């Protein structure tokens, strides 16, 4: 055995050798749809894809709580008001392991919930420094006064399959969302109003399948994915949605997912403005 493995106990040395010998490239698929050229994430797009919308009429006294929370985002006007982004909590219902394994790796349904919620909050804080980003706690008493949050999120019937019906496209641009029905818009409006948010980041349909190589090994396969939705509360519409799927046959199941998510999602987010410009140039709308 090479000298560099002598400090490991045999099972750990074997695991490390297997990882080095059989480590595979992760297969990552990200499908995404964008619904407007006026974006919190890419304010420089405003007005480049289509003529600017006509000024809206002044709100009357019956304006909803969500509409009262409306804020201009940087790049849309000469002035910018604070944005309030609520990252909604996750309930991982679809979690499975191919081998019973209590201690061979750190992954679990609750662990993935905690990890993804905090990952999204941290990355949103980094993307929007100085703005208000909040991870909503299901047990928050101010929220619980108005709604039982987790059942409320479970009951949302968002049209994911219609939003993302073109899997072969790098990015789908829909100038307007035609698939979310009025009752669902009102439910999102209600949630935004309760939270006092201008935007909601909703992770949904998180699924995880872990395939340990053995009941005492940290190596194995990992298949997981989720949907993400950024909803503009003030305007009552989605700004973008994406479907993230990742599969790898041999991975250290104790390794942090930060690096691969940063690379995959970072690349996606940075490419979207150029991809939209190409679409608009090819198919003026």
C-alpha atoms as a PDB file:
ATOM      1  CA  UNK A   1       0.000   0.000   0.000  1.00  0.00           C
ATOM      2  CA  UNK A   2       1.378   3.464  -0.835  1.00  0.00           C
ATOM      3  CA  UNK A   3       2.799   5.310   2.151  1.00  0.00           C
ATOM      4  CA  UNK A   4       0.232   8.099   1.958  1.00  0.00           C
ATOM      5  CA  UNK A   5      -2.524   5.642   2.939  1.00  0.00           C
ATOM      6  CA  UNK A   6      -0.789   4.244   6.041  1.00  0.00           C
ATOM      7  CA  UNK A   7      -2.362   6.758   8.395  1.00  0.00           C
ATOM      8  CA  UNK A   8      -5.881   5.542   7.544  1.00  0.00           C
ATOM      9  CA  UNK A   9      -7.520   2.492   9.045  1.00  0.00           C
ATOM     10  CA  UNK A  10      -8.026  -0.154   6.327  1.00  0.00           C
ATOM     11  CA  UNK A  11     -11.736   0.592   5.612  1.00  0.00           C
ATOM     12  CA  UNK A  12     -10.984   4.306   5.177  1.00  0.00           C
ATOM     13  CA  UNK A  13      -7.953   3.593   3.016  1.00  0.00           C
ATOM     14  CA  UNK A  14     -10.036   1.305   0.821  1.00  0.00           C
ATOM     15  CA  UNK A  15     -12.755   3.901   0.512  1.00  0.00           C
ATOM     16  CA  UNK A  16     -10.271   6.584  -0.502  1.00  0.00           C
ATOM     17  CA  UNK A  17      -8.664   4.292  -3.074  1.00  0.00           C
ATOM     18  CA  UNK A  18     -12.073   3.461  -4.536  1.00  0.00           C
ATOM     19  CA  UNK A  19     -12.982   7.142  -4.730  1.00  0.00           C
ATOM     20  CA  UNK A  20      -9.745   7.969  -6.554  1.00  0.00           C
ATOM     21  CA  UNK A  21     -10.121   5.015  -8.903  1.00  0.00           C
ATOM     22  CA  UNK A  22     -13.801   5.331  -9.764  1.00  0.00           C
ATOM     23  CA  UNK A  23     -14.652   8.990  -9.217  1.00  0.00           C
ATOM     24  CA  UNK A  24     -17.081  10.049 -11.927  1.00  0.00           C
ATOM     25  CA  UNK A  25     -18.209  13.327 -13.407  1.00  0.00           C
ATOM     26  CA  UNK A  26     -21.561  14.505 -12.076  1.00  0.00           C
ATOM     27  CA  UNK A  27     -24.366  14.653 -14.609  1.00  0.00           C
ATOM     28  CA  UNK A  28     -26.153  17.954 -14.067  1.00  0.00           C
ATOM     29  CA  UNK A  29     -29.239  19.162 -15.901  1.00  0.00           C
ATOM     30  CA  UNK A  30     -30.778  22.599 -15.368  1.00  0.00           C
ATOM     31  CA  UNK A  31     -33.916  23.585 -17.236  1.00  0.00           C
ATOM     32  CA  UNK A  32     -35.115  27.150 -16.828  1.00  0.00           C
ATOM     33  CA  UNK A  33     -37.839  29.521 -17.961  1.00  0.00           C
ATOM     34  CA  UNK A  34     -37.812  33.330 -17.721  1.00  0.00           C
ATOM     35  CA  UNK A  35     -41.051  35.335 -17.785  1.00  0.00           C
ATOM     36  CA  UNK A  36     -39.992  38.956 -18.096  1.00  0.00           C
ATOM     37  CA  UNK A  37     -37.083  41.138 -19.129  1.00  0.00           C
ATOM     38  CA  UNK A  38     -37.609  43.112 -15.917  1.00  0.00           C
ATOM     39  CA  UNK A  39     -35.731  41.062 -13.397  1.00  0.00           C
ATOM     40  CA  UNK A  40     -34.503  41.339  -9.848  1.00  0.00           C
ATOM     41  CA  UNK A  41     -31.559  39.091 -10.776  1.00  0.00           C
ATOM     42  CA  UNK A  42     -30.618  40.839 -14.049  1.00  0.00           C
ATOM     43  CA  UNK A  43     -31.747  44.493 -13.875  1.00  0.00           C
ATOM     44  CA  UNK A  44     -29.643  45.392 -16.940  1.00  0.00           C
ATOM     45  CA  UNK A  45     -32.128  43.454 -19.099  1.00  0.00           C
ATOM     46  CA  UNK A  46     -34.899  45.988 -18.449  1.00  0.00           C
ATOM     47  CA  UNK A  47     -36.240  47.433 -21.676  1.00  0.00           C
ATOM     48  CA  UNK A  48     -33.791  45.586 -23.940  1.00  0.00           C
ATOM     49  CA  UNK A  49     -36.062  42.676 -24.806  1.00  0.00           C
ATOM     50  CA  UNK A  50     -39.242  44.627 -25.487  1.00  0.00           C
ATOM     51  CA  UNK A  51     -40.567  48.183 -25.159  1.00  0.00           C
ATOM     52  CA  UNK A  52     -41.019  49.363 -21.604  1.00  0.00           C
ATOM     53  CA  UNK A  53     -44.483  48.828 -20.198  1.00  0.00           C
ATOM     54  CA  UNK A  54     -46.776  51.814 -19.848  1.00  0.00           C
ATOM     55  CA  UNK A  55     -46.833  53.445 -16.391  1.00  0.00           C
ATOM     56  CA  UNK A  56     -49.359  51.811 -14.118  1.00  0.00           C
ATOM     57  CA  UNK A  57     -52.254  53.718 -12.630  1.00  0.00           C
ATOM     58  CA  UNK A  58     -51.946  54.954  -9.024  1.00  0.00           C
ATOM     59  CA  UNK A  59     -53.011  52.361  -6.476  1.00  0.00           C
ATOM     60  CA  UNK A  60     -56.291  52.997  -4.688  1.00  0.00           C
ATOM     61  CA  UNK A  61     -57.122  52.325  -1.063  1.00  0.00           C
ATOM     62  CA  UNK A  62     -58.063  48.734  -1.843  1.00  0.00           C
ATOM     63  CA  UNK A  63     -54.492  47.854  -2.808  1.00  0.00           C
ATOM     64  CA  UNK A  64     -53.556  44.453  -1.368  1.00  0.00           C
ATOM     65  CA  UNK A  65     -50.909  43.945   1.297  1.00  0.00           C
ATOM     66  CA  UNK A  66     -48.616  42.413  -1.284  1.00  0.00           C
ATOM     67  CA  UNK A  67     -49.011  45.365  -3.645  1.00  0.00           C
ATOM     68  CA  UNK A  68     -48.222  47.739  -0.782  1.00  0.00           C
ATOM     69  CA  UNK A  69     -44.924  45.889  -0.396  1.00  0.00           C
ATOM     70  CA  UNK A  70     -43.953  46.714  -3.973  1.00  0.00           C
ATOM     71  CA  UNK A  71     -40.426  48.056  -4.331  1.00  0.00           C
ATOM     72  CA  UNK A  72     -38.357  49.151  -7.302  1.00  0.00           C
ATOM     73  CA  UNK A  73     -35.274  47.036  -7.752  1.00  0.00           C
ATOM     74  CA  UNK A  74     -31.847  48.410  -8.685  1.00  0.00           C
ATOM     75  CA  UNK A  75     -31.603  49.128 -12.389  1.00  0.00           C
ATOM     76  CA  UNK A  76     -35.320  49.598 -13.029  1.00  0.00           C
ATOM     77  CA  UNK A  77     -35.542  53.279 -12.117  1.00  0.00           C
ATOM     78  CA  UNK A  78     -33.309  56.106 -11.080  1.00  0.00           C
ATOM     79  CA  UNK A  79     -33.983  55.306  -7.420  1.00  0.00           C
ATOM     80  CA  UNK A  80     -33.977  51.964  -5.664  1.00  0.00           C
ATOM     81  CA  UNK A  81     -35.995  51.011  -2.610  1.00  0.00           C
ATOM     82  CA  UNK A  82     -35.228  48.114  -0.314  1.00  0.00           C
ATOM     83  CA  UNK A  83     -36.046  44.663  -1.605  1.00  0.00           C
ATOM     84  CA  UNK A  84     -37.402  42.077   0.817  1.00  0.00           C
ATOM     85  CA  UNK A  85     -36.714  38.516  -0.329  1.00  0.00           C
ATOM     86  CA  UNK A  86     -38.229  35.651   1.652  1.00  0.00           C
ATOM     87  CA  UNK A  87     -36.593  32.232   1.255  1.00  0.00           C
ATOM     88  CA  UNK A  88     -39.338  29.720   2.012  1.00  0.00           C
ATOM     89  CA  UNK A  89     -38.707  26.556   4.079  1.00  0.00           C
ATOM     90  CA  UNK A  90     -38.302  23.073   2.604  1.00  0.00           C
ATOM     91  CA  UNK A  91     -39.992  19.798   3.461  1.00  0.00           C
ATOM     92  CA  UNK A  92     -38.146  16.851   1.875  1.00  0.00           C
ATOM     93  CA  UNK A  93     -40.787  14.156   1.476  1.00  0.00           C
ATOM     94  CA  UNK A  94     -39.021  12.104  -1.205  1.00  0.00           C
ATOM     95  CA  UNK A  95     -35.857  10.757   0.475  1.00  0.00           C
ATOM     96  CA  UNK A  96     -34.613   7.192   0.089  1.00  0.00           C
ATOM     97  CA  UNK A  97     -31.514   5.027   0.619  1.00  0.00           C
ATOM     98  CA  UNK A  98     -30.798   1.783  -1.223  1.00  0.00           C
ATOM     99  CA  UNK A  99     -29.116   0.327   1.895  1.00  0.00           C
ATOM    100  CA  UNK A 100     -30.102   0.789   5.543  1.00  0.00           C
ATOM    101  CA  UNK A 101     -27.350   3.058   6.760  1.00  0.00           C
ATOM    102  CA  UNK A 102     -27.555   4.917  10.067  1.00  0.00           C
ATOM    103  CA  UNK A 103     -23.995   6.170  10.316  1.00  0.00           C
ATOM    104  CA  UNK A 104     -22.103   5.604   7.074  1.00  0.00           C
ATOM    105  CA  UNK A 105     -22.778   9.146   5.776  1.00  0.00           C
ATOM    106  CA  UNK A 106     -24.192  12.468   6.927  1.00  0.00           C
ATOM    107  CA  UNK A 107     -27.120  12.754   4.478  1.00  0.00           C
ATOM    108  CA  UNK A 108     -30.705  12.680   5.723  1.00  0.00           C
ATOM    109  CA  UNK A 109     -34.023  14.301   4.868  1.00  0.00           C
ATOM    110  CA  UNK A 110     -33.763  16.804   7.726  1.00  0.00           C
ATOM    111  CA  UNK A 111     -30.114  17.440   6.930  1.00  0.00           C
ATOM    112  CA  UNK A 112     -30.903  18.270   3.304  1.00  0.00           C
ATOM    113  CA  UNK A 113     -33.682  20.622   4.388  1.00  0.00           C
ATOM    114  CA  UNK A 114     -31.358  22.492   6.744  1.00  0.00           C
ATOM    115  CA  UNK A 115     -28.541  22.549   4.213  1.00  0.00           C
ATOM    116  CA  UNK A 116     -30.527  23.801   1.215  1.00  0.00           C
ATOM    117  CA  UNK A 117     -32.450  26.433   3.169  1.00  0.00           C
ATOM    118  CA  UNK A 118     -29.277  27.954   4.531  1.00  0.00           C
ATOM    119  CA  UNK A 119     -27.397  27.588   1.243  1.00  0.00           C
ATOM    120  CA  UNK A 120     -30.085  29.567  -0.586  1.00  0.00           C
ATOM    121  CA  UNK A 121     -30.268  32.217   2.125  1.00  0.00           C
ATOM    122  CA  UNK A 122     -26.494  32.714   2.127  1.00  0.00           C
ATOM    123  CA  UNK A 123     -26.266  32.897  -1.659  1.00  0.00           C
ATOM    124  CA  UNK A 124     -29.133  35.399  -1.867  1.00  0.00           C
ATOM    125  CA  UNK A 125     -27.486  37.562   0.787  1.00  0.00           C
ATOM    126  CA  UNK A 126     -24.256  37.502  -1.218  1.00  0.00           C
ATOM    127  CA  UNK A 127     -26.056  38.365  -4.466  1.00  0.00           C
ATOM    128  CA  UNK A 128     -28.015  41.259  -2.923  1.00  0.00           C
ATOM    129  CA  UNK A 129     -25.718  42.848  -0.313  1.00  0.00           C
ATOM    130  CA  UNK A 130     -27.418  45.375   1.900  1.00  0.00           C
ATOM    131  CA  UNK A 131     -30.896  44.114   0.993  1.00  0.00           C
ATOM    132  CA  UNK A 132     -33.233  42.242   3.314  1.00  0.00           C
ATOM    133  CA  UNK A 133     -33.055  38.465   2.834  1.00  0.00           C
ATOM    134  CA  UNK A 134     -34.858  36.277   5.335  1.00  0.00           C
ATOM    135  CA  UNK A 135     -35.188  32.527   5.755  1.00  0.00           C
ATOM    136  CA  UNK A 136     -38.764  32.027   6.915  1.00  0.00           C
ATOM    137  CA  UNK A 137     -39.122  29.690   9.888  1.00  0.00           C
ATOM    138  CA  UNK A 138     -42.226  27.455   9.764  1.00  0.00           C
ATOM    139  CA  UNK A 139     -42.823  28.110  13.457  1.00  0.00           C
ATOM    140  CA  UNK A 140     -42.542  31.901  13.239  1.00  0.00           C
ATOM    141  CA  UNK A 141     -45.386  33.104  15.518  1.00  0.00           C
ATOM    142  CA  UNK A 142     -46.158  36.116  13.314  1.00  0.00           C
ATOM    143  CA  UNK A 143     -46.627  33.812  10.315  1.00  0.00           C
ATOM    144  CA  UNK A 144     -48.464  31.119  12.301  1.00  0.00           C
ATOM    145  CA  UNK A 145     -51.022  33.734  13.350  1.00  0.00           C
ATOM    146  CA  UNK A 146     -52.239  33.910   9.749  1.00  0.00           C
ATOM    147  CA  UNK A 147     -51.376  30.610   8.083  1.00  0.00           C
ATOM    148  CA  UNK A 148     -50.100  27.087   8.840  1.00  0.00           C
ATOM    149  CA  UNK A 149     -47.094  27.554   6.589  1.00  0.00           C
ATOM    150  CA  UNK A 150     -45.922  24.038   5.677  1.00  0.00           C
ATOM    151  CA  UNK A 151     -49.407  22.685   4.789  1.00  0.00           C
ATOM    152  CA  UNK A 152     -49.998  25.940   2.897  1.00  0.00           C
ATOM    153  CA  UNK A 153     -46.855  25.389   0.816  1.00  0.00           C
ATOM    154  CA  UNK A 154     -47.774  21.719   0.267  1.00  0.00           C
ATOM    155  CA  UNK A 155     -51.166  22.749  -1.080  1.00  0.00           C
ATOM    156  CA  UNK A 156     -49.740  25.046  -3.768  1.00  0.00           C
ATOM    157  CA  UNK A 157     -50.403  23.599  -7.220  1.00  0.00           C
ATOM    158  CA  UNK A 158     -47.960  25.499  -9.369  1.00  0.00           C
ATOM    159  CA  UNK A 159     -47.778  24.603 -13.095  1.00  0.00           C
ATOM    160  CA  UNK A 160     -44.169  23.358 -13.136  1.00  0.00           C
ATOM    161  CA  UNK A 161     -44.679  20.980 -16.067  1.00  0.00           C
ATOM    162  CA  UNK A 162     -46.266  23.695 -18.187  1.00  0.00           C
ATOM    163  CA  UNK A 163     -43.652  26.279 -17.264  1.00  0.00           C
ATOM    164  CA  UNK A 164     -40.862  23.841 -18.184  1.00  0.00           C
ATOM    165  CA  UNK A 165     -42.390  21.977 -21.096  1.00  0.00           C
ATOM    166  CA  UNK A 166     -39.381  22.366 -23.447  1.00  0.00           C
ATOM    167  CA  UNK A 167     -36.533  20.249 -21.972  1.00  0.00           C
ATOM    168  CA  UNK A 168     -34.395  20.583 -25.096  1.00  0.00           C
ATOM    169  CA  UNK A 169     -34.068  24.370 -24.845  1.00  0.00           C
ATOM    170  CA  UNK A 170     -31.186  26.035 -22.959  1.00  0.00           C
ATOM    171  CA  UNK A 171     -33.580  28.698 -21.710  1.00  0.00           C
ATOM    172  CA  UNK A 172     -37.261  29.252 -22.423  1.00  0.00           C
ATOM    173  CA  UNK A 173     -38.538  32.821 -22.598  1.00  0.00           C
ATOM    174  CA  UNK A 174     -42.229  33.400 -22.033  1.00  0.00           C
ATOM    175  CA  UNK A 175     -43.014  37.136 -22.171  1.00  0.00           C
ATOM    176  CA  UNK A 176     -45.857  36.498 -19.798  1.00  0.00           C
ATOM    177  CA  UNK A 177     -46.972  33.686 -17.524  1.00  0.00           C
ATOM    178  CA  UNK A 178     -50.121  32.172 -19.028  1.00  0.00           C
ATOM    179  CA  UNK A 179     -50.227  29.082 -16.854  1.00  0.00           C
ATOM    180  CA  UNK A 180     -50.708  30.241 -13.250  1.00  0.00           C
ATOM    181  CA  UNK A 181     -54.432  30.547 -12.667  1.00  0.00           C
ATOM    182  CA  UNK A 182     -55.957  33.528 -10.772  1.00  0.00           C
ATOM    183  CA  UNK A 183     -56.664  31.597  -7.531  1.00  0.00           C
ATOM    184  CA  UNK A 184     -53.008  30.535  -7.339  1.00  0.00           C
ATOM    185  CA  UNK A 185     -51.839  34.095  -7.949  1.00  0.00           C
ATOM    186  CA  UNK A 186     -54.052  35.235  -5.082  1.00  0.00           C
ATOM    187  CA  UNK A 187     -52.546  32.569  -2.803  1.00  0.00           C
ATOM    188  CA  UNK A 188     -49.017  33.714  -3.644  1.00  0.00           C
ATOM    189  CA  UNK A 189     -50.126  37.326  -3.145  1.00  0.00           C
ATOM    190  CA  UNK A 190     -51.547  36.404   0.263  1.00  0.00           C
ATOM    191  CA  UNK A 191     -48.334  34.661   1.312  1.00  0.00           C
ATOM    192  CA  UNK A 192     -46.192  37.598   0.216  1.00  0.00           C
ATOM    193  CA  UNK A 193     -48.460  39.991   2.076  1.00  0.00           C
ATOM    194  CA  UNK A 194     -48.259  37.966   5.293  1.00  0.00           C
ATOM    195  CA  UNK A 195     -44.461  37.860   5.059  1.00  0.00           C
ATOM    196  CA  UNK A 196     -44.122  41.500   4.005  1.00  0.00           C
ATOM    197  CA  UNK A 197     -41.988  40.359   1.067  1.00  0.00           C
ATOM    198  CA  UNK A 198     -41.473  41.854  -2.377  1.00  0.00           C
ATOM    199  CA  UNK A 199     -40.129  38.522  -3.691  1.00  0.00           C
ATOM    200  CA  UNK A 200     -40.473  34.866  -2.686  1.00  0.00           C
ATOM    201  CA  UNK A 201     -37.863  32.185  -3.383  1.00  0.00           C
ATOM    202  CA  UNK A 202     -39.686  28.867  -3.282  1.00  0.00           C
ATOM    203  CA  UNK A 203     -37.783  25.538  -3.369  1.00  0.00           C
ATOM    204  CA  UNK A 204     -40.170  22.700  -4.209  1.00  0.00           C
ATOM    205  CA  UNK A 205     -40.288  18.980  -5.000  1.00  0.00           C
ATOM    206  CA  UNK A 206     -36.898  18.292  -3.442  1.00  0.00           C
ATOM    207  CA  UNK A 207     -36.025  14.635  -3.942  1.00  0.00           C
ATOM    208  CA  UNK A 208     -32.931  12.727  -2.800  1.00  0.00           C
ATOM    209  CA  UNK A 209     -31.829   9.138  -3.484  1.00  0.00           C
ATOM    210  CA  UNK A 210     -28.650   7.897  -1.783  1.00  0.00           C
ATOM    211  CA  UNK A 211     -26.912   4.701  -2.923  1.00  0.00           C
ATOM    212  CA  UNK A 212     -24.204   3.741  -0.389  1.00  0.00           C
ATOM    213  CA  UNK A 213     -21.666   1.172  -1.591  1.00  0.00           C
ATOM    214  CA  UNK A 214     -21.806  -0.490   1.815  1.00  0.00           C
ATOM    215  CA  UNK A 215     -23.351  -0.065   5.239  1.00  0.00           C
ATOM    216  CA  UNK A 216     -19.995   1.057   6.661  1.00  0.00           C
ATOM    217  CA  UNK A 217     -18.712   3.167   3.736  1.00  0.00           C
ATOM    218  CA  UNK A 218     -18.939   6.883   2.951  1.00  0.00           C
ATOM    219  CA  UNK A 219     -18.881   6.307  -0.819  1.00  0.00           C
ATOM    220  CA  UNK A 220     -21.893   5.839  -3.038  1.00  0.00           C
ATOM    221  CA  UNK A 221     -24.184   7.251  -5.660  1.00  0.00           C
ATOM    222  CA  UNK A 222     -26.283  10.370  -5.247  1.00  0.00           C
ATOM    223  CA  UNK A 223     -29.300  11.447  -7.257  1.00  0.00           C
ATOM    224  CA  UNK A 224     -31.142  14.566  -6.228  1.00  0.00           C
ATOM    225  CA  UNK A 225     -32.898  17.612  -7.551  1.00  0.00           C
ATOM    226  CA  UNK A 226     -35.439  20.341  -6.929  1.00  0.00           C
ATOM    227  CA  UNK A 227     -37.463  23.115  -8.498  1.00  0.00           C
ATOM    228  CA  UNK A 228     -36.811  26.761  -7.708  1.00  0.00           C
ATOM    229  CA  UNK A 229     -39.238  29.632  -8.280  1.00  0.00           C
ATOM    230  CA  UNK A 230     -38.620  33.355  -7.859  1.00  0.00           C
ATOM    231  CA  UNK A 231     -42.012  35.053  -7.501  1.00  0.00           C
ATOM    232  CA  UNK A 232     -42.483  38.811  -7.786  1.00  0.00           C
ATOM    233  CA  UNK A 233     -45.137  39.483  -5.137  1.00  0.00           C
ATOM    234  CA  UNK A 234     -45.791  43.102  -6.055  1.00  0.00           C
ATOM    235  CA  UNK A 235     -46.473  42.253  -9.695  1.00  0.00           C
ATOM    236  CA  UNK A 236     -48.196  38.937  -9.045  1.00  0.00           C
ATOM    237  CA  UNK A 237     -46.066  36.843 -11.402  1.00  0.00           C
ATOM    238  CA  UNK A 238     -43.051  34.548 -11.569  1.00  0.00           C
ATOM    239  CA  UNK A 239     -39.765  36.065 -12.732  1.00  0.00           C
ATOM    240  CA  UNK A 240     -38.041  32.731 -13.377  1.00  0.00           C
ATOM    241  CA  UNK A 241     -38.248  29.042 -12.571  1.00  0.00           C
ATOM    242  CA  UNK A 242     -35.703  26.259 -12.894  1.00  0.00           C
ATOM    243  CA  UNK A 243     -35.477  22.508 -12.540  1.00  0.00           C
ATOM    244  CA  UNK A 244     -32.138  21.268 -11.121  1.00  0.00           C
ATOM    245  CA  UNK A 245     -31.198  17.591 -11.432  1.00  0.00           C
ATOM    246  CA  UNK A 246     -27.876  15.991 -10.478  1.00  0.00           C
ATOM    247  CA  UNK A 247     -26.697  12.390 -10.621  1.00  0.00           C
ATOM    248  CA  UNK A 248     -23.300  10.928  -9.747  1.00  0.00           C
ATOM    249  CA  UNK A 249     -22.483   7.232  -9.375  1.00  0.00           C
ATOM    250  CA  UNK A 250     -19.462   7.549  -7.071  1.00  0.00           C
ATOM    251  CA  UNK A 251     -19.132  10.413  -4.637  1.00  0.00           C
ATOM    252  CA  UNK A 252     -18.059  11.054  -1.050  1.00  0.00           C
ATOM    253  CA  UNK A 253     -21.450  11.187   0.666  1.00  0.00           C
ATOM    254  CA  UNK A 254     -19.986  13.337   3.452  1.00  0.00           C
ATOM    255  CA  UNK A 255     -18.694  15.972   1.025  1.00  0.00           C
ATOM    256  CA  UNK A 256     -20.358  19.386   0.977  1.00  0.00           C
ATOM    257  CA  UNK A 257     -22.582  20.132  -2.011  1.00  0.00           C
ATOM    258  CA  UNK A 258     -21.580  23.822  -2.006  1.00  0.00           C
ATOM    259  CA  UNK A 259     -18.941  23.592  -4.716  1.00  0.00           C
ATOM    260  CA  UNK A 260     -21.010  21.780  -7.298  1.00  0.00           C
ATOM    261  CA  UNK A 261     -24.088  23.919  -6.668  1.00  0.00           C
ATOM    262  CA  UNK A 262     -22.029  27.099  -6.889  1.00  0.00           C
ATOM    263  CA  UNK A 263     -20.528  26.009 -10.205  1.00  0.00           C
ATOM    264  CA  UNK A 264     -23.747  24.730 -11.742  1.00  0.00           C
ATOM    265  CA  UNK A 265     -26.154  27.444 -10.621  1.00  0.00           C
ATOM    266  CA  UNK A 266     -23.572  30.216 -10.917  1.00  0.00           C
ATOM    267  CA  UNK A 267     -22.943  29.268 -14.533  1.00  0.00           C
ATOM    268  CA  UNK A 268     -26.669  29.118 -15.250  1.00  0.00           C
ATOM    269  CA  UNK A 269     -27.408  32.506 -13.741  1.00  0.00           C
ATOM    270  CA  UNK A 270     -24.517  34.213 -15.505  1.00  0.00           C
ATOM    271  CA  UNK A 271     -25.454  32.743 -18.901  1.00  0.00           C
ATOM    272  CA  UNK A 272     -29.146  33.593 -18.863  1.00  0.00           C
ATOM    273  CA  UNK A 273     -28.876  37.284 -19.949  1.00  0.00           C
ATOM    274  CA  UNK A 274     -26.750  36.373 -22.996  1.00  0.00           C
ATOM    275  CA  UNK A 275     -29.059  33.470 -23.838  1.00  0.00           C
ATOM    276  CA  UNK A 276     -32.086  35.757 -23.690  1.00  0.00           C
ATOM    277  CA  UNK A 277     -30.415  38.339 -25.907  1.00  0.00           C
ATOM    278  CA  UNK A 278     -29.732  35.602 -28.472  1.00  0.00           C
ATOM    279  CA  UNK A 279     -33.371  34.501 -28.356  1.00  0.00           C
ATOM    280  CA  UNK A 280     -34.624  38.050 -28.806  1.00  0.00           C
ATOM    281  CA  UNK A 281     -32.266  38.633 -31.721  1.00  0.00           C
ATOM    282  CA  UNK A 282     -33.403  35.432 -33.445  1.00  0.00           C
ATOM    283  CA  UNK A 283     -37.096  35.814 -32.679  1.00  0.00           C
ATOM    284  CA  UNK A 284     -38.092  39.441 -32.035  1.00  0.00           C
ATOM    285  CA  UNK A 285     -41.118  39.619 -29.786  1.00  0.00           C
END
